[in-house]
């Protein structure tokens, strides 16, 4: 059985790692908007590393539950899951938007 404290600690880790990833993804969008696509891609790489670490934290807890451990839901864990999932979506959408911004810049340069 995972204690509420252990579950909450995973929730805190999710919020921290996913929060850092969210910040990096938003900085990546800012860099792309400014035309610095190398920096944008570097920031997306940083965001992906942070989100991978959050996902690893989540997977460890899921493995315990799959192994039969009883899990109590905590509010911080719910918040952590929400932060993780919305940040994963933000990273995916940021990749798409950065590609589109780069394409727009290339088209503008042709004119």
PDB file of N, CA and C in Angstrom:
ATOM      1  N   UNK A   1       0.838  -1.191   0.000  1.00  0.00           N
ATOM      2  CA  UNK A   1       0.000   0.000   0.000  1.00  0.00           C
ATOM      3  C   UNK A   1       0.879   1.250   0.000  1.00  0.00           C
ATOM      4  N   UNK A   2       0.535   2.170  -0.856  1.00  0.00           N
ATOM      5  CA  UNK A   2       1.224   3.455  -0.853  1.00  0.00           C
ATOM      6  C   UNK A   2       0.479   4.375   0.108  1.00  0.00           C
ATOM      7  N   UNK A   3       1.221   5.055   0.938  1.00  0.00           N
ATOM      8  CA  UNK A   3       0.585   5.955   1.894  1.00  0.00           C
ATOM      9  C   UNK A   3       0.123   7.232   1.194  1.00  0.00           C
ATOM     10  N   UNK A   4      -0.779   7.943   1.851  1.00  0.00           N
ATOM     11  CA  UNK A   4      -1.220   9.217   1.296  1.00  0.00           C
ATOM     12  C   UNK A   4      -0.038  10.170   1.137  1.00  0.00           C
ATOM     13  N   UNK A   5       0.898  10.100   2.077  1.00  0.00           N
ATOM     14  CA  UNK A   5       2.080  10.965   1.988  1.00  0.00           C
ATOM     15  C   UNK A   5       2.905  10.629   0.749  1.00  0.00           C
ATOM     16  N   UNK A   6       3.120   9.328   0.469  1.00  0.00           N
ATOM     17  CA  UNK A   6       3.872   8.927  -0.722  1.00  0.00           C
ATOM     18  C   UNK A   6       3.166   9.386  -1.999  1.00  0.00           C
ATOM     19  N   UNK A   7       1.857   9.215  -2.030  1.00  0.00           N
ATOM     20  CA  UNK A   7       1.084   9.626  -3.196  1.00  0.00           C
ATOM     21  C   UNK A   7       1.152  11.141  -3.369  1.00  0.00           C
ATOM     22  N   UNK A   8       1.037  11.869  -2.280  1.00  0.00           N
ATOM     23  CA  UNK A   8       1.126  13.325  -2.344  1.00  0.00           C
ATOM     24  C   UNK A   8       2.502  13.779  -2.800  1.00  0.00           C
ATOM     25  N   UNK A   9       3.549  13.088  -2.367  1.00  0.00           N
ATOM     26  CA  UNK A   9       4.902  13.445  -2.788  1.00  0.00           C
ATOM     27  C   UNK A   9       5.071  13.250  -4.296  1.00  0.00           C
ATOM     28  N   UNK A  10       4.490  12.193  -4.833  1.00  0.00           N
ATOM     29  CA  UNK A  10       4.514  11.999  -6.281  1.00  0.00           C
ATOM     30  C   UNK A  10       3.743  13.136  -6.949  1.00  0.00           C
ATOM     31  N   UNK A  11       2.611  13.507  -6.383  1.00  0.00           N
ATOM     32  CA  UNK A  11       1.838  14.626  -6.914  1.00  0.00           C
ATOM     33  C   UNK A  11       2.646  15.912  -6.940  1.00  0.00           C
ATOM     34  N   UNK A  12       3.388  16.183  -5.862  1.00  0.00           N
ATOM     35  CA  UNK A  12       4.249  17.368  -5.823  1.00  0.00           C
ATOM     36  C   UNK A  12       5.323  17.295  -6.909  1.00  0.00           C
ATOM     37  N   UNK A  13       5.897  16.097  -7.102  1.00  0.00           N
ATOM     38  CA  UNK A  13       6.920  15.930  -8.134  1.00  0.00           C
ATOM     39  C   UNK A  13       6.326  16.178  -9.519  1.00  0.00           C
ATOM     40  N   UNK A  14       5.120  15.673  -9.752  1.00  0.00           N
ATOM     41  CA  UNK A  14       4.462  15.906 -11.038  1.00  0.00           C
ATOM     42  C   UNK A  14       4.271  17.395 -11.287  1.00  0.00           C
ATOM     43  N   UNK A  15       3.782  18.102 -10.277  1.00  0.00           N
ATOM     44  CA  UNK A  15       3.560  19.538 -10.416  1.00  0.00           C
ATOM     45  C   UNK A  15       4.882  20.257 -10.693  1.00  0.00           C
ATOM     46  N   UNK A  16       5.927  19.887  -9.983  1.00  0.00           N
ATOM     47  CA  UNK A  16       7.218  20.561 -10.147  1.00  0.00           C
ATOM     48  C   UNK A  16       7.806  20.305 -11.534  1.00  0.00           C
ATOM     49  N   UNK A  17       7.923  19.039 -11.921  1.00  0.00           N
ATOM     50  CA  UNK A  17       8.519  18.727 -13.226  1.00  0.00           C
ATOM     51  C   UNK A  17       7.653  19.240 -14.374  1.00  0.00           C
ATOM     52  N   UNK A  18       6.348  19.024 -14.291  1.00  0.00           N
ATOM     53  CA  UNK A  18       5.464  19.482 -15.359  1.00  0.00           C
ATOM     54  C   UNK A  18       5.414  21.013 -15.403  1.00  0.00           C
ATOM     55  N   UNK A  19       5.491  21.653 -14.247  1.00  0.00           N
ATOM     56  CA  UNK A  19       5.530  23.115 -14.216  1.00  0.00           C
ATOM     57  C   UNK A  19       6.772  23.655 -14.897  1.00  0.00           C
ATOM     58  N   UNK A  20       7.917  23.027 -14.643  1.00  0.00           N
ATOM     59  CA  UNK A  20       9.153  23.434 -15.321  1.00  0.00           C
ATOM     60  C   UNK A  20       9.041  23.205 -16.823  1.00  0.00           C
ATOM     61  N   UNK A  21       8.434  22.085 -17.211  1.00  0.00           N
ATOM     62  CA  UNK A  21       8.257  21.780 -18.632  1.00  0.00           C
ATOM     63  C   UNK A  21       7.342  22.807 -19.288  1.00  0.00           C
ATOM     64  N   UNK A  22       6.294  23.195 -18.579  1.00  0.00           N
ATOM     65  CA  UNK A  22       5.361  24.192 -19.114  1.00  0.00           C
ATOM     66  C   UNK A  22       6.079  25.510 -19.353  1.00  0.00           C
ATOM     67  N   UNK A  23       6.874  25.924 -18.405  1.00  0.00           N
ATOM     68  CA  UNK A  23       7.634  27.165 -18.541  1.00  0.00           C
ATOM     69  C   UNK A  23       8.568  27.095 -19.739  1.00  0.00           C
ATOM     70  N   UNK A  24       9.265  25.981 -19.892  1.00  0.00           N
ATOM     71  CA  UNK A  24      10.186  25.826 -21.024  1.00  0.00           C
ATOM     72  C   UNK A  24       9.432  25.849 -22.352  1.00  0.00           C
ATOM     73  N   UNK A  25       8.275  25.213 -22.415  1.00  0.00           N
ATOM     74  CA  UNK A  25       7.481  25.204 -23.649  1.00  0.00           C
ATOM     75  C   UNK A  25       7.020  26.612 -24.011  1.00  0.00           C
ATOM     76  N   UNK A  26       6.610  27.379 -23.015  1.00  0.00           N
ATOM     77  CA  UNK A  26       6.185  28.750 -23.287  1.00  0.00           C
ATOM     78  C   UNK A  26       7.357  29.616 -23.739  1.00  0.00           C
ATOM     79  N   UNK A  27       8.536  29.404 -23.158  1.00  0.00           N
ATOM     80  CA  UNK A  27       9.741  30.120 -23.606  1.00  0.00           C
ATOM     81  C   UNK A  27      10.101  29.708 -25.034  1.00  0.00           C
ATOM     82  N   UNK A  28       9.860  28.452 -25.361  1.00  0.00           N
ATOM     83  CA  UNK A  28      10.120  27.983 -26.726  1.00  0.00           C
ATOM     84  C   UNK A  28       9.221  28.724 -27.715  1.00  0.00           C
ATOM     85  N   UNK A  29       7.971  28.891 -27.368  1.00  0.00           N
ATOM     86  CA  UNK A  29       7.056  29.639 -28.244  1.00  0.00           C
ATOM     87  C   UNK A  29       7.499  31.093 -28.389  1.00  0.00           C
ATOM     88  N   UNK A  30       7.935  31.699 -27.290  1.00  0.00           N
ATOM     89  CA  UNK A  30       8.427  33.080 -27.354  1.00  0.00           C
ATOM     90  C   UNK A  30       9.641  33.183 -28.278  1.00  0.00           C
ATOM     91  N   UNK A  31      10.553  32.224 -28.145  1.00  0.00           N
ATOM     92  CA  UNK A  31      11.752  32.238 -28.986  1.00  0.00           C
ATOM     93  C   UNK A  31      11.390  32.067 -30.454  1.00  0.00           C
ATOM     94  N   UNK A  32      10.471  31.172 -30.734  1.00  0.00           N
ATOM     95  CA  UNK A  32      10.058  30.951 -32.118  1.00  0.00           C
ATOM     96  C   UNK A  32       9.390  32.192 -32.694  1.00  0.00           C
ATOM     97  N   UNK A  33       8.561  32.833 -31.902  1.00  0.00           N
ATOM     98  CA  UNK A  33       7.898  34.048 -32.367  1.00  0.00           C
ATOM     99  C   UNK A  33       8.922  35.127 -32.703  1.00  0.00           C
ATOM    100  N   UNK A  34      10.033  35.141 -31.962  1.00  0.00           N
ATOM    101  CA  UNK A  34      11.111  36.101 -32.209  1.00  0.00           C
ATOM    102  C   UNK A  34      12.025  35.652 -33.348  1.00  0.00           C
ATOM    103  N   UNK A  35      11.767  34.456 -33.891  1.00  0.00           N
ATOM    104  CA  UNK A  35      12.567  33.955 -35.014  1.00  0.00           C
ATOM    105  C   UNK A  35      13.775  33.137 -34.625  1.00  0.00           C
ATOM    106  N   UNK A  36      13.962  32.864 -33.337  1.00  0.00           N
ATOM    107  CA  UNK A  36      15.116  32.087 -32.869  1.00  0.00           C
ATOM    108  C   UNK A  36      14.692  30.619 -32.726  1.00  0.00           C
ATOM    109  N   UNK A  37      14.714  29.907 -33.843  1.00  0.00           N
ATOM    110  CA  UNK A  37      14.216  28.541 -33.866  1.00  0.00           C
ATOM    111  C   UNK A  37      15.179  27.546 -33.214  1.00  0.00           C
ATOM    112  N   UNK A  38      16.462  27.863 -33.219  1.00  0.00           N
ATOM    113  CA  UNK A  38      17.412  26.992 -32.507  1.00  0.00           C
ATOM    114  C   UNK A  38      17.123  27.022 -31.004  1.00  0.00           C
ATOM    115  N   UNK A  39      16.904  28.221 -30.478  1.00  0.00           N
ATOM    116  CA  UNK A  39      16.580  28.346 -29.050  1.00  0.00           C
ATOM    117  C   UNK A  39      15.232  27.694 -28.767  1.00  0.00           C
ATOM    118  N   UNK A  40      14.276  27.878 -29.666  1.00  0.00           N
ATOM    119  CA  UNK A  40      12.947  27.281 -29.480  1.00  0.00           C
ATOM    120  C   UNK A  40      13.059  25.768 -29.377  1.00  0.00           C
ATOM    121  N   UNK A  41      13.831  25.168 -30.264  1.00  0.00           N
ATOM    122  CA  UNK A  41      13.992  23.714 -30.230  1.00  0.00           C
ATOM    123  C   UNK A  41      14.748  23.255 -28.991  1.00  0.00           C
ATOM    124  N   UNK A  42      15.721  24.030 -28.565  1.00  0.00           N
ATOM    125  CA  UNK A  42      16.456  23.688 -27.339  1.00  0.00           C
ATOM    126  C   UNK A  42      15.520  23.749 -26.125  1.00  0.00           C
ATOM    127  N   UNK A  43      14.641  24.746 -26.102  1.00  0.00           N
ATOM    128  CA  UNK A  43      13.696  24.863 -24.991  1.00  0.00           C
ATOM    129  C   UNK A  43      12.674  23.726 -25.022  1.00  0.00           C
ATOM    130  N   UNK A  44      12.272  23.302 -26.210  1.00  0.00           N
ATOM    131  CA  UNK A  44      11.366  22.157 -26.307  1.00  0.00           C
ATOM    132  C   UNK A  44      12.046  20.880 -25.827  1.00  0.00           C
ATOM    133  N   UNK A  45      13.334  20.738 -26.140  1.00  0.00           N
ATOM    134  CA  UNK A  45      14.085  19.580 -25.647  1.00  0.00           C
ATOM    135  C   UNK A  45      14.116  19.581 -24.120  1.00  0.00           C
ATOM    136  N   UNK A  46      14.328  20.758 -23.540  1.00  0.00           N
ATOM    137  CA  UNK A  46      14.330  20.889 -22.076  1.00  0.00           C
ATOM    138  C   UNK A  46      12.950  20.538 -21.515  1.00  0.00           C
ATOM    139  N   UNK A  47      11.917  21.034 -22.165  1.00  0.00           N
ATOM    140  CA  UNK A  47      10.543  20.730 -21.727  1.00  0.00           C
ATOM    141  C   UNK A  47      10.295  19.231 -21.781  1.00  0.00           C
ATOM    142  N   UNK A  48      10.764  18.587 -22.835  1.00  0.00           N
ATOM    143  CA  UNK A  48      10.541  17.150 -22.982  1.00  0.00           C
ATOM    144  C   UNK A  48      11.271  16.358 -21.893  1.00  0.00           C
ATOM    145  N   UNK A  49      12.483  16.780 -21.547  1.00  0.00           N
ATOM    146  CA  UNK A  49      13.217  16.106 -20.465  1.00  0.00           C
ATOM    147  C   UNK A  49      12.452  16.202 -19.145  1.00  0.00           C
ATOM    148  N   UNK A  50      11.939  17.398 -18.858  1.00  0.00           N
ATOM    149  CA  UNK A  50      11.188  17.577 -17.617  1.00  0.00           C
ATOM    150  C   UNK A  50       9.895  16.766 -17.625  1.00  0.00           C
ATOM    151  N   UNK A  51       9.194  16.746 -18.742  1.00  0.00           N
ATOM    152  CA  UNK A  51       7.934  16.009 -18.795  1.00  0.00           C
ATOM    153  C   UNK A  51       8.199  14.508 -18.728  1.00  0.00           C
ATOM    154  N   UNK A  52       9.319  14.065 -19.283  1.00  0.00           N
ATOM    155  CA  UNK A  52       9.681  12.647 -19.168  1.00  0.00           C
ATOM    156  C   UNK A  52       9.922  12.262 -17.710  1.00  0.00           C
ATOM    157  N   UNK A  53      10.558  13.148 -16.963  1.00  0.00           N
ATOM    158  CA  UNK A  53      10.807  12.863 -15.546  1.00  0.00           C
ATOM    159  C   UNK A  53       9.488  12.813 -14.777  1.00  0.00           C
ATOM    160  N   UNK A  54       8.579  13.725 -15.095  1.00  0.00           N
ATOM    161  CA  UNK A  54       7.259  13.687 -14.453  1.00  0.00           C
ATOM    162  C   UNK A  54       6.553  12.379 -14.795  1.00  0.00           C
ATOM    163  N   UNK A  55       6.636  11.981 -16.040  1.00  0.00           N
ATOM    164  CA  UNK A  55       5.985  10.744 -16.470  1.00  0.00           C
ATOM    165  C   UNK A  55       6.601   9.537 -15.762  1.00  0.00           C
ATOM    166  N   UNK A  56       7.919   9.556 -15.565  1.00  0.00           N
ATOM    167  CA  UNK A  56       8.579   8.466 -14.834  1.00  0.00           C
ATOM    168  C   UNK A  56       8.058   8.376 -13.399  1.00  0.00           C
ATOM    169  N   UNK A  57       7.869   9.524 -12.759  1.00  0.00           N
ATOM    170  CA  UNK A  57       7.322   9.544 -11.400  1.00  0.00           C
ATOM    171  C   UNK A  57       5.919   8.920 -11.386  1.00  0.00           C
ATOM    172  N   UNK A  58       5.115   9.304 -12.344  1.00  0.00           N
ATOM    173  CA  UNK A  58       3.759   8.780 -12.446  1.00  0.00           C
ATOM    174  C   UNK A  58       3.783   7.268 -12.677  1.00  0.00           C
ATOM    175  N   UNK A  59       4.659   6.820 -13.570  1.00  0.00           N
ATOM    176  CA  UNK A  59       4.736   5.399 -13.923  1.00  0.00           C
ATOM    177  C   UNK A  59       5.111   4.547 -12.719  1.00  0.00           C
ATOM    178  N   UNK A  60       5.987   5.042 -11.872  1.00  0.00           N
ATOM    179  CA  UNK A  60       6.361   4.290 -10.670  1.00  0.00           C
ATOM    180  C   UNK A  60       5.143   4.042  -9.785  1.00  0.00           C
ATOM    181  N   UNK A  61       4.325   5.060  -9.631  1.00  0.00           N
ATOM    182  CA  UNK A  61       3.122   4.917  -8.810  1.00  0.00           C
ATOM    183  C   UNK A  61       2.111   3.991  -9.488  1.00  0.00           C
ATOM    184  N   UNK A  62       1.958   4.138 -10.796  1.00  0.00           N
ATOM    185  CA  UNK A  62       1.038   3.267 -11.535  1.00  0.00           C
ATOM    186  C   UNK A  62       1.468   1.804 -11.448  1.00  0.00           C
ATOM    187  N   UNK A  63       2.763   1.572 -11.466  1.00  0.00           N
ATOM    188  CA  UNK A  63       3.281   0.203 -11.354  1.00  0.00           C
ATOM    189  C   UNK A  63       2.927  -0.406 -10.000  1.00  0.00           C
ATOM    190  N   UNK A  64       3.009   0.408  -8.956  1.00  0.00           N
ATOM    191  CA  UNK A  64       2.626  -0.082  -7.623  1.00  0.00           C
ATOM    192  C   UNK A  64       1.153  -0.468  -7.608  1.00  0.00           C
ATOM    193  N   UNK A  65       0.329   0.382  -8.187  1.00  0.00           N
ATOM    194  CA  UNK A  65      -1.100   0.094  -8.205  1.00  0.00           C
ATOM    195  C   UNK A  65      -1.386  -1.148  -9.046  1.00  0.00           C
ATOM    196  N   UNK A  66      -0.712  -1.267 -10.190  1.00  0.00           N
ATOM    197  CA  UNK A  66      -0.900  -2.446 -11.037  1.00  0.00           C
ATOM    198  C   UNK A  66      -0.465  -3.708 -10.311  1.00  0.00           C
ATOM    199  N   UNK A  67       0.488  -3.577  -9.399  1.00  0.00           N
ATOM    200  CA  UNK A  67       0.960  -4.700  -8.601  1.00  0.00           C
ATOM    201  C   UNK A  67       0.056  -5.038  -7.429  1.00  0.00           C
ATOM    202  N   UNK A  68      -1.037  -4.304  -7.297  1.00  0.00           N
ATOM    203  CA  UNK A  68      -1.995  -4.619  -6.245  1.00  0.00           C
ATOM    204  C   UNK A  68      -2.011  -3.671  -5.069  1.00  0.00           C
ATOM    205  N   UNK A  69      -1.134  -2.681  -5.067  1.00  0.00           N
ATOM    206  CA  UNK A  69      -1.108  -1.734  -3.946  1.00  0.00           C
ATOM    207  C   UNK A  69      -2.374  -0.889  -3.947  1.00  0.00           C
ATOM    208  N   UNK A  70      -2.906  -0.674  -2.776  1.00  0.00           N
ATOM    209  CA  UNK A  70      -4.090   0.170  -2.607  1.00  0.00           C
ATOM    210  C   UNK A  70      -3.667   1.628  -2.690  1.00  0.00           C
ATOM    211  N   UNK A  71      -4.400   2.425  -3.448  1.00  0.00           N
ATOM    212  CA  UNK A  71      -4.059   3.838  -3.626  1.00  0.00           C
ATOM    213  C   UNK A  71      -5.208   4.719  -3.169  1.00  0.00           C
ATOM    214  N   UNK A  72      -4.867   5.708  -2.365  1.00  0.00           N
ATOM    215  CA  UNK A  72      -5.837   6.725  -1.978  1.00  0.00           C
ATOM    216  C   UNK A  72      -5.586   7.963  -2.826  1.00  0.00           C
ATOM    217  N   UNK A  73      -6.624   8.512  -3.377  1.00  0.00           N
ATOM    218  CA  UNK A  73      -6.497   9.712  -4.196  1.00  0.00           C
ATOM    219  C   UNK A  73      -6.312  10.917  -3.278  1.00  0.00           C
ATOM    220  N   UNK A  74      -5.353  11.757  -3.623  1.00  0.00           N
ATOM    221  CA  UNK A  74      -5.159  13.000  -2.889  1.00  0.00           C
ATOM    222  C   UNK A  74      -5.351  14.155  -3.858  1.00  0.00           C
ATOM    223  N   UNK A  75      -5.729  15.296  -3.320  1.00  0.00           N
ATOM    224  CA  UNK A  75      -5.957  16.454  -4.170  1.00  0.00           C
ATOM    225  C   UNK A  75      -4.685  16.849  -4.902  1.00  0.00           C
ATOM    226  N   UNK A  76      -3.552  16.793  -4.230  1.00  0.00           N
ATOM    227  CA  UNK A  76      -2.297  17.183  -4.882  1.00  0.00           C
ATOM    228  C   UNK A  76      -1.960  16.224  -6.018  1.00  0.00           C
ATOM    229  N   UNK A  77      -2.317  14.958  -5.871  1.00  0.00           N
ATOM    230  CA  UNK A  77      -2.080  14.009  -6.956  1.00  0.00           C
ATOM    231  C   UNK A  77      -2.984  14.321  -8.145  1.00  0.00           C
ATOM    232  N   UNK A  78      -4.228  14.670  -7.883  1.00  0.00           N
ATOM    233  CA  UNK A  78      -5.138  15.061  -8.962  1.00  0.00           C
ATOM    234  C   UNK A  78      -4.585  16.302  -9.676  1.00  0.00           C
ATOM    235  N   UNK A  79      -4.130  17.256  -8.902  1.00  0.00           N
ATOM    236  CA  UNK A  79      -3.539  18.468  -9.481  1.00  0.00           C
ATOM    237  C   UNK A  79      -2.292  18.113 -10.294  1.00  0.00           C
ATOM    238  N   UNK A  80      -1.478  17.222  -9.767  1.00  0.00           N
ATOM    239  CA  UNK A  80      -0.281  16.784 -10.490  1.00  0.00           C
ATOM    240  C   UNK A  80      -0.620  16.114 -11.811  1.00  0.00           C
ATOM    241  N   UNK A  81      -1.618  15.254 -11.798  1.00  0.00           N
ATOM    242  CA  UNK A  81      -2.043  14.576 -13.025  1.00  0.00           C
ATOM    243  C   UNK A  81      -2.557  15.587 -14.043  1.00  0.00           C
ATOM    244  N   UNK A  82      -3.343  16.537 -13.575  1.00  0.00           N
ATOM    245  CA  UNK A  82      -3.874  17.570 -14.453  1.00  0.00           C
ATOM    246  C   UNK A  82      -2.746  18.396 -15.061  1.00  0.00           C
ATOM    247  N   UNK A  83      -1.795  18.785 -14.240  1.00  0.00           N
ATOM    248  CA  UNK A  83      -0.666  19.579 -14.714  1.00  0.00           C
ATOM    249  C   UNK A  83       0.154  18.784 -15.727  1.00  0.00           C
ATOM    250  N   UNK A  84       0.370  17.520 -15.450  1.00  0.00           N
ATOM    251  CA  UNK A  84       1.121  16.661 -16.365  1.00  0.00           C
ATOM    252  C   UNK A  84       0.435  16.576 -17.724  1.00  0.00           C
ATOM    253  N   UNK A  85      -0.844  16.274 -17.722  1.00  0.00           N
ATOM    254  CA  UNK A  85      -1.553  16.067 -18.986  1.00  0.00           C
ATOM    255  C   UNK A  85      -1.690  17.360 -19.790  1.00  0.00           C
ATOM    256  N   UNK A  86      -1.990  18.466 -19.129  1.00  0.00           N
ATOM    257  CA  UNK A  86      -2.125  19.713 -19.883  1.00  0.00           C
ATOM    258  C   UNK A  86      -0.777  20.166 -20.428  1.00  0.00           C
ATOM    259  N   UNK A  87       0.293  19.898 -19.700  1.00  0.00           N
ATOM    260  CA  UNK A  87       1.622  20.274 -20.179  1.00  0.00           C
ATOM    261  C   UNK A  87       2.057  19.384 -21.339  1.00  0.00           C
ATOM    262  N   UNK A  88       1.706  18.112 -21.274  1.00  0.00           N
ATOM    263  CA  UNK A  88       2.023  17.232 -22.408  1.00  0.00           C
ATOM    264  C   UNK A  88       1.328  17.752 -23.671  1.00  0.00           C
ATOM    265  N   UNK A  89       0.093  18.180 -23.539  1.00  0.00           N
ATOM    266  CA  UNK A  89      -0.635  18.745 -24.667  1.00  0.00           C
ATOM    267  C   UNK A  89       0.019  20.043 -25.133  1.00  0.00           C
ATOM    268  N   UNK A  90       0.427  20.892 -24.199  1.00  0.00           N
ATOM    269  CA  UNK A  90       1.088  22.144 -24.558  1.00  0.00           C
ATOM    270  C   UNK A  90       2.361  21.883 -25.347  1.00  0.00           C
ATOM    271  N   UNK A  91       3.145  20.913 -24.923  1.00  0.00           N
ATOM    272  CA  UNK A  91       4.386  20.596 -25.638  1.00  0.00           C
ATOM    273  C   UNK A  91       4.076  20.131 -27.059  1.00  0.00           C
ATOM    274  N   UNK A  92       3.098  19.256 -27.201  1.00  0.00           N
ATOM    275  CA  UNK A  92       2.715  18.791 -28.535  1.00  0.00           C
ATOM    276  C   UNK A  92       2.259  19.955 -29.407  1.00  0.00           C
ATOM    277  N   UNK A  93       1.425  20.809 -28.870  1.00  0.00           N
ATOM    278  CA  UNK A  93       0.931  21.951 -29.634  1.00  0.00           C
ATOM    279  C   UNK A  93       2.040  22.959 -29.920  1.00  0.00           C
ATOM    280  N   UNK A  94       2.968  23.102 -28.993  1.00  0.00           N
ATOM    281  CA  UNK A  94       4.099  24.011 -29.210  1.00  0.00           C
ATOM    282  C   UNK A  94       4.955  23.540 -30.372  1.00  0.00           C
ATOM    283  N   UNK A  95       5.187  22.230 -30.451  1.00  0.00           N
ATOM    284  CA  UNK A  95       5.955  21.692 -31.583  1.00  0.00           C
ATOM    285  C   UNK A  95       5.278  22.064 -32.903  1.00  0.00           C
ATOM    286  N   UNK A  96       3.981  21.891 -32.953  1.00  0.00           N
ATOM    287  CA  UNK A  96       3.228  22.218 -34.159  1.00  0.00           C
ATOM    288  C   UNK A  96       3.313  23.718 -34.457  1.00  0.00           C
ATOM    289  N   UNK A  97       3.080  24.555 -33.463  1.00  0.00           N
ATOM    290  CA  UNK A  97       3.090  26.002 -33.679  1.00  0.00           C
ATOM    291  C   UNK A  97       4.464  26.500 -34.103  1.00  0.00           C
ATOM    292  N   UNK A  98       5.510  25.924 -33.531  1.00  0.00           N
ATOM    293  CA  UNK A  98       6.863  26.338 -33.897  1.00  0.00           C
ATOM    294  C   UNK A  98       7.149  25.973 -35.353  1.00  0.00           C
ATOM    295  N   UNK A  99       6.715  24.780 -35.766  1.00  0.00           N
ATOM    296  CA  UNK A  99       6.872  24.420 -37.185  1.00  0.00           C
ATOM    297  C   UNK A  99       6.127  25.411 -38.082  1.00  0.00           C
ATOM    298  N   UNK A 100       4.931  25.799 -37.669  1.00  0.00           N
ATOM    299  CA  UNK A 100       4.145  26.740 -38.473  1.00  0.00           C
ATOM    300  C   UNK A 100       4.793  28.125 -38.495  1.00  0.00           C
ATOM    301  N   UNK A 101       5.310  28.585 -37.354  1.00  0.00           N
ATOM    302  CA  UNK A 101       5.998  29.870 -37.313  1.00  0.00           C
ATOM    303  C   UNK A 101       7.235  29.859 -38.206  1.00  0.00           C
ATOM    304  N   UNK A 102       7.947  28.750 -38.206  1.00  0.00           N
ATOM    305  CA  UNK A 102       9.137  28.642 -39.061  1.00  0.00           C
ATOM    306  C   UNK A 102       8.725  28.678 -40.537  1.00  0.00           C
ATOM    307  N   UNK A 103       7.670  27.996 -40.855  1.00  0.00           N
ATOM    308  CA  UNK A 103       7.186  27.993 -42.235  1.00  0.00           C
ATOM    309  C   UNK A 103       6.735  29.388 -42.662  1.00  0.00           C
ATOM    310  N   UNK A 104       6.030  30.076 -41.798  1.00  0.00           N
ATOM    311  CA  UNK A 104       5.597  31.444 -42.105  1.00  0.00           C
ATOM    312  C   UNK A 104       6.800  32.334 -42.364  1.00  0.00           C
ATOM    313  N   UNK A 105       7.821  32.211 -41.512  1.00  0.00           N
ATOM    314  CA  UNK A 105       9.025  33.032 -41.685  1.00  0.00           C
ATOM    315  C   UNK A 105       9.680  32.732 -43.025  1.00  0.00           C
ATOM    316  N   UNK A 106       9.781  31.459 -43.384  1.00  0.00           N
ATOM    317  CA  UNK A 106      10.385  31.093 -44.662  1.00  0.00           C
ATOM    318  C   UNK A 106       9.593  31.661 -45.830  1.00  0.00           C
ATOM    319  N   UNK A 107       8.272  31.616 -45.744  1.00  0.00           N
ATOM    320  CA  UNK A 107       7.433  32.174 -46.811  1.00  0.00           C
ATOM    321  C   UNK A 107       7.578  33.685 -46.897  1.00  0.00           C
ATOM    322  N   UNK A 108       7.661  34.347 -45.754  1.00  0.00           N
ATOM    323  CA  UNK A 108       7.840  35.791 -45.760  1.00  0.00           C
ATOM    324  C   UNK A 108       9.189  36.187 -46.359  1.00  0.00           C
ATOM    325  N   UNK A 109      10.203  35.382 -46.128  1.00  0.00           N
ATOM    326  CA  UNK A 109      11.531  35.683 -46.658  1.00  0.00           C
ATOM    327  C   UNK A 109      11.601  35.528 -48.180  1.00  0.00           C
ATOM    328  N   UNK A 110      10.704  34.728 -48.738  1.00  0.00           N
ATOM    329  CA  UNK A 110      10.669  34.528 -50.190  1.00  0.00           C
ATOM    330  C   UNK A 110      10.079  35.726 -50.918  1.00  0.00           C
ATOM    331  N   UNK A 111       9.325  36.532 -50.197  1.00  0.00           N
ATOM    332  CA  UNK A 111       8.652  37.668 -50.836  1.00  0.00           C
ATOM    333  C   UNK A 111       9.591  38.824 -51.055  1.00  0.00           C
TER     334      UNK A 111
END
